[in-house]
Amino acid sequence: KSKYDASIDIFSFGVVAIFTLCQTFPCDLLAPTYREGRQHIARTELERREGYMRMIYSQLREKHPLLQMIEGCLDFPEYRPSIREVLHLLEEARAEVRDEQTDMNKLELLRALQTQPRNQENVELEGQLRRKEAELAEAQHQLRQKEEQLRSSEALVADFQKAQRDSETQRTKTQPAPLATAVPHAIPPVVKPRKLTVQCHRKKTAPCGMREDLQQLMVDLHTSPHVTPTQSTNMNVVQRNGRNFLHVHIRTLD
């Protein structure tokens, strides 16, 4: 905080002098600060009122003696004139401005006042244009940052996908090849040999020829690979129509 001193009074006198020459109500045409990128830069007091200063230069000409005093009053506090120096500058300006030129100065000032609204509007539009340009520059800067972040993200995704593909390729190379599936051969069905059990019993009354035929049958059955005779015999002799028949019971095991 700057403490109140005489330099603030000098500054106020300079502002009043500007708007006295312009015949308008004091106001600031530009904001106290403006942006360049991410920084806020402060404007000087002269920069904030340069529109009015240009108006004085163009309408009242640079040789007007009060302009130098006004610029000194609006300068930085350490460079502002003292009140004695301001009074001295006013005495010089009064001596330079003759009475016969008063009507001409008033006419020029009237013309300036007639064109002032238009000039002031142009100055205001110029200030708005500068603010819009600063906002546009800030937006473009943020857009470039977003684009850089997007490119970095896309590069990271591409590297991750490449690493995944390399890992999958390496895993495929190191994995052993699957064994060929053996086709099972058709296993022939197990043919169970048919086993026969012959139970025979020889009667004492059987004829000798029939007994010999039975013994030969037992031998054949014993030597056959498909028939297994038992140790006991069970045989019946059946007489039919006056003839004797040997009745042998055969039982399969399967």
Protein backbone atom coordinates (compact mmCIF):
# COMPACT_ATOMS: atom_id res chain seq x y z
CA LYS A 1 0.00 0.00 0.00
CA SER A 2 1.26 3.46 -0.94
CA LYS A 3 0.65 6.08 1.73
CA TYR A 4 -1.09 9.32 0.93
CA ASP A 5 1.31 12.15 0.04
CA ALA A 6 1.65 15.20 -2.20
CA SER A 7 2.35 13.11 -5.32
CA ILE A 8 -1.23 11.81 -5.21
CA ASP A 9 -2.53 15.40 -5.27
CA ILE A 10 -0.34 16.13 -8.29
CA PHE A 11 -1.71 13.04 -10.03
CA SER A 12 -5.30 14.11 -9.35
CA PHE A 13 -4.58 17.58 -10.68
CA GLY A 14 -3.21 16.07 -13.92
CA VAL A 15 -6.36 13.95 -14.38
CA VAL A 16 -8.60 16.99 -13.82
CA ALA A 17 -6.52 18.95 -16.32
CA ILE A 18 -7.00 16.27 -19.00
CA PHE A 19 -10.76 16.18 -18.73
CA THR A 20 -10.93 19.97 -18.45
CA LEU A 21 -9.24 20.24 -21.84
CA CYS A 22 -11.46 17.48 -23.30
CA GLN A 23 -14.61 18.81 -21.64
CA THR A 24 -15.73 15.29 -20.60
CA PHE A 25 -16.36 13.36 -17.41
CA PRO A 26 -13.26 11.51 -16.11
CA CYS A 27 -13.23 7.78 -16.93
CA ASP A 28 -10.65 5.14 -17.76
CA LEU A 29 -10.74 3.87 -21.32
CA LEU A 30 -8.60 0.80 -20.64
CA ALA A 31 -8.49 -1.69 -17.80
CA PRO A 32 -5.68 -1.34 -15.23
CA THR A 33 -4.14 -4.65 -16.37
CA TYR A 34 -4.04 -6.82 -19.49
CA ARG A 35 -2.99 -10.42 -20.09
CA GLU A 36 -0.10 -11.73 -22.14
CA GLY A 37 -0.25 -15.48 -22.06
CA ARG A 38 -0.67 -16.39 -18.40
CA GLN A 39 0.68 -13.13 -16.99
CA HIS A 40 -1.25 -10.04 -15.96
CA ILE A 41 0.65 -6.88 -16.88
CA ALA A 42 -0.25 -3.54 -15.32
CA ARG A 43 -0.77 -0.49 -17.51
CA THR A 44 0.70 2.85 -16.56
CA GLU A 45 -1.56 5.80 -15.83
CA LEU A 46 -0.59 7.40 -19.15
CA GLU A 47 -1.38 4.20 -21.06
CA ARG A 48 -4.84 4.04 -19.51
CA ARG A 49 -5.55 7.60 -20.74
CA GLU A 50 -3.62 7.59 -23.97
CA GLY A 51 -6.87 7.90 -25.93
CA TYR A 52 -7.55 11.29 -24.40
CA MET A 53 -3.93 12.31 -24.86
CA ARG A 54 -4.11 11.50 -28.57
CA MET A 55 -7.26 13.57 -28.76
CA ILE A 56 -5.46 16.55 -27.27
CA TYR A 57 -2.47 16.04 -29.57
CA SER A 58 -4.66 15.86 -32.68
CA GLN A 59 -7.05 18.70 -31.84
CA LEU A 60 -5.00 21.11 -29.77
CA ARG A 61 -1.60 20.26 -31.29
CA GLU A 62 1.50 19.12 -29.45
CA LYS A 63 2.75 22.66 -28.80
CA HIS A 64 0.03 23.22 -26.26
CA PRO A 65 1.95 24.14 -23.10
CA LEU A 66 -0.30 22.17 -20.72
CA LEU A 67 0.44 18.79 -22.30
CA GLN A 68 3.93 18.55 -20.89
CA MET A 69 2.61 19.42 -17.43
CA ILE A 70 -0.16 16.80 -17.66
CA GLU A 71 2.28 14.08 -18.72
CA GLY A 72 4.48 14.95 -15.75
CA CYS A 73 1.54 14.77 -13.35
CA LEU A 74 0.55 11.29 -14.63
CA ASP A 75 4.08 9.91 -14.58
CA PHE A 76 5.40 7.53 -11.89
CA PRO A 77 5.30 9.06 -8.38
CA GLU A 78 9.06 9.51 -8.15
CA TYR A 79 9.10 11.50 -11.42
CA ARG A 80 6.10 13.77 -10.79
CA PRO A 81 6.71 17.47 -10.38
CA SER A 82 6.15 19.23 -7.09
CA ILE A 83 3.35 21.72 -6.55
CA ARG A 84 5.78 24.62 -7.00
CA GLU A 85 6.90 23.22 -10.35
CA VAL A 86 3.26 22.82 -11.43
CA LEU A 87 2.54 26.46 -10.56
CA HIS A 88 5.61 27.51 -12.52
CA LEU A 89 4.42 25.51 -15.56
CA LEU A 90 0.98 27.08 -15.31
CA GLU A 91 2.52 30.58 -15.28
CA GLU A 92 4.53 29.72 -18.39
CA ALA A 93 1.43 28.33 -20.15
CA ARG A 94 -0.54 31.46 -19.29
CA ALA A 95 2.17 33.62 -20.72
CA GLU A 96 2.30 31.62 -23.94
CA VAL A 97 -1.47 31.53 -24.52
CA ARG A 98 -2.45 35.06 -25.59
CA ASP A 99 -5.89 36.48 -25.09
CA GLU A 100 -6.43 36.99 -28.81
CA GLN A 101 -5.98 33.27 -29.36
CA THR A 102 -8.63 32.38 -26.81
CA ASP A 103 -11.50 32.45 -29.32
CA MET A 104 -9.52 30.29 -31.78
CA ASN A 105 -8.66 27.82 -29.05
CA LYS A 106 -12.30 27.67 -28.03
CA LEU A 107 -13.31 26.97 -31.62
CA GLU A 108 -10.80 24.20 -31.93
CA LEU A 109 -11.91 22.81 -28.58
CA LEU A 110 -15.56 22.91 -29.74
CA ARG A 111 -14.68 20.95 -32.84
CA ALA A 112 -12.84 18.47 -30.65
CA LEU A 113 -15.89 18.14 -28.42
CA GLN A 114 -18.11 17.49 -31.47
CA THR A 115 -15.90 14.64 -32.62
CA GLN A 116 -15.17 13.39 -29.11
CA PRO A 117 -18.00 10.81 -28.83
CA ARG A 118 -16.88 9.18 -32.07
CA ASN A 119 -13.23 9.22 -31.04
CA GLN A 120 -14.05 7.94 -27.58
CA GLU A 121 -16.11 5.11 -29.08
CA ASN A 122 -13.19 4.19 -31.32
CA VAL A 123 -10.87 4.18 -28.34
CA GLU A 124 -13.25 1.96 -26.41
CA LEU A 125 -13.53 -0.43 -29.35
CA GLU A 126 -9.78 -0.48 -29.63
CA GLY A 127 -9.50 -1.39 -25.97
CA GLN A 128 -12.06 -4.18 -26.39
CA LEU A 129 -10.17 -5.44 -29.43
CA ARG A 130 -6.96 -5.63 -27.44
CA ARG A 131 -8.69 -7.55 -24.68
CA LYS A 132 -10.18 -9.98 -27.20
CA GLU A 133 -6.79 -10.45 -28.82
CA ALA A 134 -5.27 -11.24 -25.43
CA GLU A 135 -8.06 -13.74 -24.69
CA LEU A 136 -7.57 -15.34 -28.11
CA ALA A 137 -3.84 -15.67 -27.51
CA GLU A 138 -4.52 -17.33 -24.16
CA ALA A 139 -7.03 -19.75 -25.74
CA GLN A 140 -4.55 -20.63 -28.51
CA HIS A 141 -1.86 -21.27 -25.92
CA GLN A 142 -4.15 -23.58 -23.95
CA LEU A 143 -5.13 -25.35 -27.17
CA ARG A 144 -1.48 -26.00 -28.02
CA GLN A 145 -0.95 -27.43 -24.54
CA LYS A 146 -3.97 -29.73 -24.94
CA GLU A 147 -2.69 -30.90 -28.32
CA GLU A 148 0.72 -31.68 -26.83
CA GLN A 149 -0.94 -33.64 -24.00
CA LEU A 150 -3.05 -35.54 -26.54
CA ARG A 151 0.01 -36.44 -28.62
CA SER A 152 1.80 -37.63 -25.48
CA SER A 153 -1.20 -39.79 -24.51
CA GLU A 154 -1.41 -41.30 -28.00
CA ALA A 155 2.31 -42.10 -27.89
CA LEU A 156 1.90 -43.83 -24.52
CA VAL A 157 -1.02 -45.90 -25.83
CA ALA A 158 0.96 -46.90 -28.93
CA ASP A 159 3.94 -47.96 -26.81
CA PHE A 160 1.68 -49.98 -24.51
CA GLN A 161 0.02 -51.76 -27.44
CA LYS A 162 3.42 -52.52 -29.02
CA ALA A 163 4.67 -53.93 -25.72
CA GLN A 164 1.59 -56.16 -25.53
CA ARG A 165 2.17 -57.45 -29.07
CA ASP A 166 5.85 -58.12 -28.38
CA SER A 167 4.96 -59.98 -25.18
CA GLU A 168 2.39 -62.10 -26.99
CA THR A 169 4.88 -62.90 -29.76
CA GLN A 170 7.56 -63.86 -27.24
CA ARG A 171 5.12 -66.05 -25.32
CA THR A 172 4.06 -67.81 -28.53
CA LYS A 173 7.69 -68.54 -29.42
CA THR A 174 8.55 -70.00 -26.01
CA GLN A 175 5.38 -72.11 -25.70
CA PRO A 176 5.95 -75.78 -26.75
CA ALA A 177 4.07 -77.04 -29.73
CA PRO A 178 1.02 -79.11 -28.86
CA LEU A 179 1.42 -82.88 -29.22
CA ALA A 180 -0.39 -84.51 -32.07
CA THR A 181 -3.50 -86.26 -30.88
CA ALA A 182 -3.11 -89.96 -31.41
CA VAL A 183 -6.03 -91.47 -33.24
CA PRO A 184 -7.03 -94.57 -31.33
CA HIS A 185 -7.00 -97.72 -33.41
CA ALA A 186 -10.13 -99.70 -33.56
CA ILE A 187 -9.85 -102.46 -31.00
CA PRO A 188 -11.42 -105.59 -32.32
CA PRO A 189 -14.06 -106.90 -30.04
CA VAL A 190 -13.04 -109.72 -27.80
CA VAL A 191 -14.64 -112.78 -29.08
CA LYS A 192 -15.30 -114.98 -26.16
CA PRO A 193 -14.95 -118.57 -27.21
CA ARG A 194 -18.10 -120.47 -26.86
CA LYS A 195 -17.72 -123.03 -24.21
CA LEU A 196 -19.92 -126.05 -24.01
CA THR A 197 -20.34 -128.35 -21.08
CA VAL A 198 -21.36 -131.86 -21.92
CA GLN A 199 -22.85 -133.88 -19.09
CA CYS A 200 -23.12 -137.57 -19.84
CA HIS A 201 -24.05 -140.73 -17.86
CA ARG A 202 -23.58 -144.14 -19.33
CA LYS A 203 -26.20 -146.79 -18.65
CA LYS A 204 -25.19 -150.42 -18.21
CA THR A 205 -27.90 -151.44 -20.62
CA ALA A 206 -26.49 -149.22 -23.41
CA PRO A 207 -25.25 -151.18 -26.41
CA CYS A 208 -21.51 -151.45 -26.91
CA GLY A 209 -21.61 -149.64 -30.23
CA MET A 210 -23.36 -146.72 -28.70
CA ARG A 211 -20.81 -146.65 -25.88
CA GLU A 212 -17.99 -146.48 -28.38
CA ASP A 213 -19.74 -143.63 -30.19
CA LEU A 214 -20.04 -141.77 -26.90
CA GLN A 215 -16.37 -142.23 -26.08
CA GLN A 216 -15.44 -140.86 -29.50
CA LEU A 217 -17.74 -137.87 -28.90
CA MET A 218 -16.10 -137.16 -25.55
CA VAL A 219 -12.69 -137.29 -27.15
CA ASP A 220 -13.79 -134.84 -29.83
CA LEU A 221 -15.28 -132.50 -27.27
CA HIS A 222 -12.19 -132.70 -25.07
CA THR A 223 -9.84 -131.84 -27.89
CA SER A 224 -12.03 -129.03 -29.25
CA PRO A 225 -10.78 -125.48 -28.30
CA HIS A 226 -14.34 -124.20 -27.94
CA VAL A 227 -15.81 -126.96 -25.75
CA THR A 228 -14.88 -127.90 -22.19
CA PRO A 229 -16.47 -131.18 -21.00
CA THR A 230 -17.07 -131.79 -17.31
CA GLN A 231 -15.78 -134.79 -15.38
CA SER A 232 -19.23 -136.14 -14.66
CA THR A 233 -21.31 -137.67 -17.41
CA ASN A 234 -25.02 -137.48 -17.84
CA MET A 235 -26.48 -139.40 -20.72
CA ASN A 236 -29.87 -140.90 -21.34
CA VAL A 237 -30.76 -143.59 -23.74
CA VAL A 238 -34.18 -143.04 -25.22
CA GLN A 239 -36.06 -145.69 -27.12
CA ARG A 240 -38.33 -144.39 -29.80
CA ASN A 241 -40.15 -146.56 -32.25
CA GLY A 242 -38.16 -149.62 -31.21
CA ARG A 243 -34.85 -147.84 -31.70
CA ASN A 244 -32.32 -146.68 -29.11
CA PHE A 245 -31.20 -143.00 -29.15
CA LEU A 246 -28.36 -141.47 -27.15
CA HIS A 247 -29.70 -138.26 -25.53
CA VAL A 248 -26.82 -135.92 -24.54
CA HIS A 249 -27.50 -132.62 -22.69
CA ILE A 250 -25.21 -129.72 -23.86
CA ARG A 251 -25.11 -126.47 -21.82
CA THR A 252 -23.32 -123.37 -23.05
CA LEU A 253 -21.33 -121.31 -20.57
CA ASP A 254 -21.66 -117.85 -22.26
